[in-house]
Every structure is written in structure tokens, then in C-alpha cells.
Amino acid sequence: MISEVVLATRNRHKVEELAALLGDLGIRIRTLADFPHAPEVEEDGATCEANAIKKACEIARATGLTAVADDTGLEVDALDGRPGVYAARYAGEHATYEDNCHKLVQELEGIPYERRTARFITVAAIAVPGEPVQVTQGVLTGYITDKASGSKGFGYDPVFYVPELNVTLAEISAEQKNRISHRAKAFLQAKELLRARQSESAVGA
């Protein structure tokens, strides 16, 4: 039976979101802070799925625990799908969230609102040592604004406008975001897979 999982990320903002999304499973949620010798996994895959699977598998192997990892890309139609899988380092290897947002807004300067369509794609991977990896995906569509708005969230949230809510992701609460976001959609599916594993273990016990 799965009694604990490790979140394969050192990003504290992601840890907070994922712990909230998975919190009611009754499983102990651990982070890489509990495993200081766990490897730094190089995200060199060509897709979010490849990166998520690689992170989950390497952390599961290193810790001996079920590992849950994700990777998120941002596809902007007017930029031919950029930044895509390179969203986290769009403005450079050590870019801040603000750097990335600034570069994105600059590249879209002069492009009208109706052509600033974009989508966040999150792929989550669950790796149990010795078993096949399970993968889920979540998508959120919206538009890129011409300036940042809001102080909540992280990453591209201040420039990602959700028309159904008439706000950016940085203008809604964590609770609201965890109901509608790309990451929420991917991890709610992942939570059901983990719950199913618990049920199977209980039946077989």
C-alpha cells in the first residue's frame, strides 16, 4: 500500500500547490527537502511528458518511494508555440519569473488581443519503483496580457488571462486556482490514480 509519496520538485511554490491538491489522500507528502542527496534531474526532454517521466523515475529510484513529478509548458500561438517546454528558462537559465514574463510581453508587443491566445499544459507522472509509469495531463486556455496584473501565484500567472473569470491567474486565490488550473487538472487525475492504487492494495491485503 502507498503510505507516502515524494514530490519531485524543489520549487517551493509547486510544493505548496501540489501538497494542497493531494492533501486529502491520507498519504504522507514528502518533498526533496527530506532527501538532500537526491539528484538534480536535468530537464532535457523535448516534451513536458518526457521531463515529467524522467524526474519521477529518477527520484523514485533514488528514494525508493513513489514519486510524483510534473512539467509545465506554455504555448503561445502568435509565437509558433514558444516558449513551450522551455517556459521556466525562457529568458535565460537563471531567469526570474519577472524576467520570463517581461520577455514574453515584449515579444508580443503590437499583437492584438485576439491573436494572443495561449495554453498552459501540465503533464504529471507517477513512478512506483519497479512498475510502469502512469501519466496524466491538464490544459488551461487563455490569453497573454500586455502587462502583468496580480500578486498571487507564480511563473506566468500575472500575464495569463482567463476569459471565463475575467482575471489573470495571479488575481485569484490559491483555492480558486486549484479548481481550474492546468496543474490542478493534471494532479486531480493523478490523485485518482493514487487513490485507485490504495484501494487495490486494501483489497489485496
C-alpha atoms as a PDB file:
ATOM      1  CA  MET A   1       0.000   0.000   0.000  1.00  0.00           C
ATOM      2  CA  ILE A   2       1.242   3.505  -0.797  1.00  0.00           C
ATOM      3  CA  SER A   3       1.678   5.270   2.530  1.00  0.00           C
ATOM      4  CA  GLU A   4       3.850   8.160   1.335  1.00  0.00           C
ATOM      5  CA  VAL A   5       4.862   9.900  -1.864  1.00  0.00           C
ATOM      6  CA  VAL A   6       7.681  12.278  -2.647  1.00  0.00           C
ATOM      7  CA  LEU A   7       7.111  15.358  -4.783  1.00  0.00           C
ATOM      8  CA  ALA A   8       9.937  15.513  -7.303  1.00  0.00           C
ATOM      9  CA  THR A   9      10.495  19.267  -7.199  1.00  0.00           C
ATOM     10  CA  ARG A  10      12.496  21.799  -5.228  1.00  0.00           C
ATOM     11  CA  ASN A  11      10.236  24.660  -6.278  1.00  0.00           C
ATOM     12  CA  ARG A  12       8.513  25.736  -3.056  1.00  0.00           C
ATOM     13  CA  HIS A  13       5.571  27.277  -4.938  1.00  0.00           C
ATOM     14  CA  LYS A  14       4.912  23.983  -6.701  1.00  0.00           C
ATOM     15  CA  VAL A  15       5.295  22.074  -3.433  1.00  0.00           C
ATOM     16  CA  GLU A  16       2.604  24.239  -1.829  1.00  0.00           C
ATOM     17  CA  GLU A  17       0.202  23.757  -4.751  1.00  0.00           C
ATOM     18  CA  LEU A  18       0.767  20.024  -5.082  1.00  0.00           C
ATOM     19  CA  ALA A  19       0.577  19.354  -1.347  1.00  0.00           C
ATOM     20  CA  ALA A  20      -2.796  21.154  -1.298  1.00  0.00           C
ATOM     21  CA  LEU A  21      -4.053  19.187  -4.306  1.00  0.00           C
ATOM     22  CA  LEU A  22      -3.010  15.808  -2.894  1.00  0.00           C
ATOM     23  CA  GLY A  23      -3.530  16.601   0.769  1.00  0.00           C
ATOM     24  CA  ASP A  24      -6.796  14.726   1.356  1.00  0.00           C
ATOM     25  CA  LEU A  25      -5.478  11.351   0.170  1.00  0.00           C
ATOM     26  CA  GLY A  26      -4.341  10.292   3.616  1.00  0.00           C
ATOM     27  CA  ILE A  27      -0.839   9.747   2.241  1.00  0.00           C
ATOM     28  CA  ARG A  28       2.228  11.349   3.797  1.00  0.00           C
ATOM     29  CA  ILE A  29       3.502  14.002   1.372  1.00  0.00           C
ATOM     30  CA  ARG A  30       7.290  14.323   1.355  1.00  0.00           C
ATOM     31  CA  THR A  31       9.486  16.698  -0.618  1.00  0.00           C
ATOM     32  CA  LEU A  32      13.044  16.696  -1.871  1.00  0.00           C
ATOM     33  CA  ALA A  33      13.949  18.735   1.212  1.00  0.00           C
ATOM     34  CA  ASP A  34      13.647  15.392   3.041  1.00  0.00           C
ATOM     35  CA  PHE A  35      16.197  13.861   0.656  1.00  0.00           C
ATOM     36  CA  PRO A  36      19.147  16.283   0.390  1.00  0.00           C
ATOM     37  CA  HIS A  37      21.200  13.727  -1.545  1.00  0.00           C
ATOM     38  CA  ALA A  38      18.548  13.154  -4.219  1.00  0.00           C
ATOM     39  CA  PRO A  39      19.901  14.028  -7.679  1.00  0.00           C
ATOM     40  CA  GLU A  40      19.267  17.258  -9.547  1.00  0.00           C
ATOM     41  CA  VAL A  41      17.419  15.921 -12.572  1.00  0.00           C
ATOM     42  CA  GLU A  42      18.292  17.675 -15.818  1.00  0.00           C
ATOM     43  CA  GLU A  43      15.131  18.559 -17.703  1.00  0.00           C
ATOM     44  CA  ASP A  44      16.483  17.912 -21.179  1.00  0.00           C
ATOM     45  CA  GLY A  45      13.436  16.257 -22.735  1.00  0.00           C
ATOM     46  CA  ALA A  46      11.815  17.610 -25.889  1.00  0.00           C
ATOM     47  CA  THR A  47       8.353  17.434 -24.295  1.00  0.00           C
ATOM     48  CA  CYS A  48       6.744  18.036 -20.918  1.00  0.00           C
ATOM     49  CA  GLU A  49       5.856  14.350 -20.764  1.00  0.00           C
ATOM     50  CA  ALA A  50       9.475  13.293 -21.243  1.00  0.00           C
ATOM     51  CA  ASN A  51      10.652  15.646 -18.494  1.00  0.00           C
ATOM     52  CA  ALA A  52       7.937  14.606 -16.037  1.00  0.00           C
ATOM     53  CA  ILE A  53       8.626  10.911 -16.569  1.00  0.00           C
ATOM     54  CA  LYS A  54      12.372  11.377 -16.225  1.00  0.00           C
ATOM     55  CA  LYS A  55      12.025  13.321 -12.957  1.00  0.00           C
ATOM     56  CA  ALA A  56       9.550  10.878 -11.445  1.00  0.00           C
ATOM     57  CA  CYS A  57      11.617   7.807 -12.372  1.00  0.00           C
ATOM     58  CA  GLU A  58      14.945   9.189 -11.147  1.00  0.00           C
ATOM     59  CA  ILE A  59      13.516  10.380  -7.830  1.00  0.00           C
ATOM     60  CA  ALA A  60      11.640   7.096  -7.288  1.00  0.00           C
ATOM     61  CA  ARG A  61      14.885   5.226  -7.934  1.00  0.00           C
ATOM     62  CA  ALA A  62      16.873   7.487  -5.596  1.00  0.00           C
ATOM     63  CA  THR A  63      14.394   7.433  -2.697  1.00  0.00           C
ATOM     64  CA  GLY A  64      12.734   4.027  -3.077  1.00  0.00           C
ATOM     65  CA  LEU A  65       9.353   5.760  -2.750  1.00  0.00           C
ATOM     66  CA  THR A  66       6.510   6.508  -5.102  1.00  0.00           C
ATOM     67  CA  ALA A  67       7.463   9.768  -6.808  1.00  0.00           C
ATOM     68  CA  VAL A  68       5.158  12.322  -8.381  1.00  0.00           C
ATOM     69  CA  ALA A  69       6.614  14.814 -10.846  1.00  0.00           C
ATOM     70  CA  ASP A  70       5.278  17.325 -13.304  1.00  0.00           C
ATOM     71  CA  ASP A  71       6.434  19.577 -16.077  1.00  0.00           C
ATOM     72  CA  THR A  72       4.544  22.536 -17.468  1.00  0.00           C
ATOM     73  CA  GLY A  73       4.839  24.281 -20.800  1.00  0.00           C
ATOM     74  CA  LEU A  74       3.276  27.464 -22.127  1.00  0.00           C
ATOM     75  CA  GLU A  75       2.333  27.529 -25.792  1.00  0.00           C
ATOM     76  CA  VAL A  76       1.617  30.926 -27.362  1.00  0.00           C
ATOM     77  CA  ASP A  77       0.058  30.717 -30.801  1.00  0.00           C
ATOM     78  CA  ALA A  78       1.449  34.021 -32.099  1.00  0.00           C
ATOM     79  CA  LEU A  79       4.958  32.802 -31.216  1.00  0.00           C
ATOM     80  CA  ASP A  80       4.547  29.455 -33.012  1.00  0.00           C
ATOM     81  CA  GLY A  81       4.153  27.610 -29.721  1.00  0.00           C
ATOM     82  CA  ARG A  82       7.021  29.240 -27.841  1.00  0.00           C
ATOM     83  CA  PRO A  83       8.169  29.190 -25.080  1.00  0.00           C
ATOM     84  CA  GLY A  84       6.746  25.664 -24.875  1.00  0.00           C
ATOM     85  CA  VAL A  85       8.772  23.238 -22.789  1.00  0.00           C
ATOM     86  CA  TYR A  86      11.353  25.979 -22.147  1.00  0.00           C
ATOM     87  CA  ALA A  87       8.895  28.203 -20.298  1.00  0.00           C
ATOM     88  CA  ALA A  88      10.772  28.143 -16.973  1.00  0.00           C
ATOM     89  CA  ARG A  89      14.015  29.339 -18.562  1.00  0.00           C
ATOM     90  CA  TYR A  90      12.682  31.389 -21.459  1.00  0.00           C
ATOM     91  CA  ALA A  91      14.674  34.496 -20.576  1.00  0.00           C
ATOM     92  CA  GLY A  92      17.810  32.517 -19.665  1.00  0.00           C
ATOM     93  CA  GLU A  93      18.999  29.647 -17.482  1.00  0.00           C
ATOM     94  CA  HIS A  94      18.761  31.666 -14.249  1.00  0.00           C
ATOM     95  CA  ALA A  95      15.835  33.882 -15.239  1.00  0.00           C
ATOM     96  CA  THR A  96      13.342  35.027 -12.613  1.00  0.00           C
ATOM     97  CA  TYR A  97       9.584  34.775 -13.071  1.00  0.00           C
ATOM     98  CA  GLU A  98       9.567  38.508 -13.796  1.00  0.00           C
ATOM     99  CA  ASP A  99      12.289  38.114 -16.444  1.00  0.00           C
ATOM    100  CA  ASN A 100      10.288  35.466 -18.265  1.00  0.00           C
ATOM    101  CA  CYS A 101       7.055  37.461 -18.152  1.00  0.00           C
ATOM    102  CA  HIS A 102       8.827  40.586 -19.371  1.00  0.00           C
ATOM    103  CA  LYS A 103      10.384  38.788 -22.328  1.00  0.00           C
ATOM    104  CA  LEU A 104       7.064  37.207 -23.291  1.00  0.00           C
ATOM    105  CA  VAL A 105       5.170  40.506 -23.170  1.00  0.00           C
ATOM    106  CA  GLN A 106       7.935  42.217 -25.151  1.00  0.00           C
ATOM    107  CA  GLU A 107       7.802  39.583 -27.881  1.00  0.00           C
ATOM    108  CA  LEU A 108       4.045  40.065 -28.222  1.00  0.00           C
ATOM    109  CA  GLU A 109       4.220  43.869 -28.390  1.00  0.00           C
ATOM    110  CA  GLY A 110       1.899  45.195 -31.077  1.00  0.00           C
ATOM    111  CA  ILE A 111      -0.009  41.928 -31.476  1.00  0.00           C
ATOM    112  CA  PRO A 112      -3.763  42.448 -30.885  1.00  0.00           C
ATOM    113  CA  TYR A 113      -5.563  40.721 -28.031  1.00  0.00           C
ATOM    114  CA  GLU A 114      -7.483  38.271 -30.206  1.00  0.00           C
ATOM    115  CA  ARG A 115      -4.206  36.855 -31.533  1.00  0.00           C
ATOM    116  CA  ARG A 116      -2.580  36.455 -28.107  1.00  0.00           C
ATOM    117  CA  THR A 117      -4.154  33.043 -27.464  1.00  0.00           C
ATOM    118  CA  ALA A 118      -2.163  30.649 -25.308  1.00  0.00           C
ATOM    119  CA  ARG A 119      -2.412  27.460 -23.314  1.00  0.00           C
ATOM    120  CA  PHE A 120      -0.710  26.011 -20.285  1.00  0.00           C
ATOM    121  CA  ILE A 121      -0.052  22.278 -20.487  1.00  0.00           C
ATOM    122  CA  THR A 122       0.920  20.275 -17.410  1.00  0.00           C
ATOM    123  CA  VAL A 123       1.931  16.637 -17.542  1.00  0.00           C
ATOM    124  CA  ALA A 124       2.106  14.723 -14.255  1.00  0.00           C
ATOM    125  CA  ALA A 125       3.907  11.403 -13.879  1.00  0.00           C
ATOM    126  CA  ILE A 126       3.643   8.826 -11.095  1.00  0.00           C
ATOM    127  CA  ALA A 127       6.567   6.436 -10.733  1.00  0.00           C
ATOM    128  CA  VAL A 128       6.351   3.462  -8.385  1.00  0.00           C
ATOM    129  CA  PRO A 129       9.670   1.574  -8.147  1.00  0.00           C
ATOM    130  CA  GLY A 130       9.545  -1.485 -10.390  1.00  0.00           C
ATOM    131  CA  GLU A 131       6.233  -0.583 -12.063  1.00  0.00           C
ATOM    132  CA  PRO A 132       5.202   1.196 -15.299  1.00  0.00           C
ATOM    133  CA  VAL A 133       4.908   4.981 -15.078  1.00  0.00           C
ATOM    134  CA  GLN A 134       1.415   6.495 -15.154  1.00  0.00           C
ATOM    135  CA  VAL A 135       0.865   9.861 -16.845  1.00  0.00           C
ATOM    136  CA  THR A 136      -1.911  12.474 -16.739  1.00  0.00           C
ATOM    137  CA  GLN A 137      -2.349  15.826 -18.486  1.00  0.00           C
ATOM    138  CA  GLY A 138      -4.141  19.101 -17.811  1.00  0.00           C
ATOM    139  CA  VAL A 139      -4.692  22.082 -20.124  1.00  0.00           C
ATOM    140  CA  LEU A 140      -5.826  25.661 -19.444  1.00  0.00           C
ATOM    141  CA  THR A 141      -6.506  28.043 -22.328  1.00  0.00           C
ATOM    142  CA  GLY A 142      -6.412  31.819 -22.187  1.00  0.00           C
ATOM    143  CA  TYR A 143      -4.657  34.933 -23.467  1.00  0.00           C
ATOM    144  CA  ILE A 144      -1.378  36.704 -22.732  1.00  0.00           C
ATOM    145  CA  THR A 145      -1.923  40.235 -21.431  1.00  0.00           C
ATOM    146  CA  ASP A 146       0.151  43.274 -22.387  1.00  0.00           C
ATOM    147  CA  LYS A 147       1.182  43.892 -18.762  1.00  0.00           C
ATOM    148  CA  ALA A 148       1.396  41.961 -15.523  1.00  0.00           C
ATOM    149  CA  SER A 149      -1.563  42.094 -13.157  1.00  0.00           C
ATOM    150  CA  GLY A 150      -1.997  40.497  -9.735  1.00  0.00           C
ATOM    151  CA  SER A 151       0.383  39.436  -6.983  1.00  0.00           C
ATOM    152  CA  LYS A 152      -0.689  35.854  -6.304  1.00  0.00           C
ATOM    153  CA  GLY A 153       0.578  32.687  -7.944  1.00  0.00           C
ATOM    154  CA  PHE A 154       3.943  32.387  -9.679  1.00  0.00           C
ATOM    155  CA  GLY A 155       5.548  31.925 -13.068  1.00  0.00           C
ATOM    156  CA  TYR A 156       3.482  33.402 -15.908  1.00  0.00           C
ATOM    157  CA  ASP A 157       0.342  33.754 -13.768  1.00  0.00           C
ATOM    158  CA  PRO A 158       0.403  37.614 -13.821  1.00  0.00           C
ATOM    159  CA  VAL A 159       0.241  37.722 -17.634  1.00  0.00           C
ATOM    160  CA  PHE A 160      -2.069  34.744 -18.258  1.00  0.00           C
ATOM    161  CA  TYR A 161      -5.646  35.980 -18.608  1.00  0.00           C
ATOM    162  CA  VAL A 162      -8.546  33.564 -18.117  1.00  0.00           C
ATOM    163  CA  PRO A 163     -11.535  34.999 -20.043  1.00  0.00           C
ATOM    164  CA  GLU A 164     -14.131  32.918 -18.189  1.00  0.00           C
ATOM    165  CA  LEU A 165     -13.063  34.570 -14.922  1.00  0.00           C
ATOM    166  CA  ASN A 166     -12.138  37.982 -16.371  1.00  0.00           C
ATOM    167  CA  VAL A 167      -8.872  37.954 -14.390  1.00  0.00           C
ATOM    168  CA  THR A 168      -5.287  36.728 -14.629  1.00  0.00           C
ATOM    169  CA  LEU A 169      -4.219  33.647 -12.689  1.00  0.00           C
ATOM    170  CA  ALA A 170      -2.323  35.977 -10.347  1.00  0.00           C
ATOM    171  CA  GLU A 171      -5.566  37.697  -9.350  1.00  0.00           C
ATOM    172  CA  ILE A 172      -7.335  34.651  -7.927  1.00  0.00           C
ATOM    173  CA  SER A 173      -6.872  32.780  -4.672  1.00  0.00           C
ATOM    174  CA  ALA A 174      -4.901  29.561  -4.382  1.00  0.00           C
ATOM    175  CA  GLU A 175      -8.183  27.756  -3.701  1.00  0.00           C
ATOM    176  CA  GLN A 176      -9.714  29.072  -6.941  1.00  0.00           C
ATOM    177  CA  LYS A 177      -6.596  28.283  -8.921  1.00  0.00           C
ATOM    178  CA  ASN A 178      -6.551  24.738  -7.570  1.00  0.00           C
ATOM    179  CA  ARG A 179     -10.020  24.218  -9.040  1.00  0.00           C
ATOM    180  CA  ILE A 180      -9.382  25.424 -12.597  1.00  0.00           C
ATOM    181  CA  SER A 181      -5.668  25.416 -13.418  1.00  0.00           C
ATOM    182  CA  HIS A 182      -3.765  23.135 -15.786  1.00  0.00           C
ATOM    183  CA  ARG A 183      -1.754  21.765 -12.863  1.00  0.00           C
ATOM    184  CA  ALA A 184      -4.922  21.136 -10.857  1.00  0.00           C
ATOM    185  CA  LYS A 185      -6.482  19.212 -13.754  1.00  0.00           C
ATOM    186  CA  ALA A 186      -3.393  17.022 -14.172  1.00  0.00           C
ATOM    187  CA  PHE A 187      -2.968  16.356 -10.459  1.00  0.00           C
ATOM    188  CA  LEU A 188      -6.621  15.675  -9.719  1.00  0.00           C
ATOM    189  CA  GLN A 189      -6.335  12.852 -12.263  1.00  0.00           C
ATOM    190  CA  ALA A 190      -3.059  11.764 -10.650  1.00  0.00           C
ATOM    191  CA  LYS A 191      -4.777  11.783  -7.257  1.00  0.00           C
ATOM    192  CA  GLU A 192      -7.428   9.406  -8.563  1.00  0.00           C
ATOM    193  CA  LEU A 193      -4.725   7.047  -9.835  1.00  0.00           C
ATOM    194  CA  LEU A 194      -3.062   7.101  -6.408  1.00  0.00           C
ATOM    195  CA  ARG A 195      -6.428   6.556  -4.733  1.00  0.00           C
ATOM    196  CA  ALA A 196      -7.065   3.569  -7.009  1.00  0.00           C
ATOM    197  CA  ARG A 197      -3.696   2.105  -6.018  1.00  0.00           C
ATOM    198  CA  GLN A 198      -4.647   2.457  -2.354  1.00  0.00           C
ATOM    199  CA  SER A 199      -7.959   0.685  -2.977  1.00  0.00           C
ATOM    200  CA  GLU A 200      -6.260  -2.151  -4.865  1.00  0.00           C
ATOM    201  CA  SER A 201      -3.763  -2.562  -2.021  1.00  0.00           C
ATOM    202  CA  ALA A 202      -6.546  -2.617   0.544  1.00  0.00           C
ATOM    203  CA  VAL A 203      -8.465  -5.275  -1.395  1.00  0.00           C
ATOM    204  CA  GLY A 204      -5.359  -7.411  -1.765  1.00  0.00           C
ATOM    205  CA  ALA A 205      -4.392  -7.087   1.886  1.00  0.00           C
END
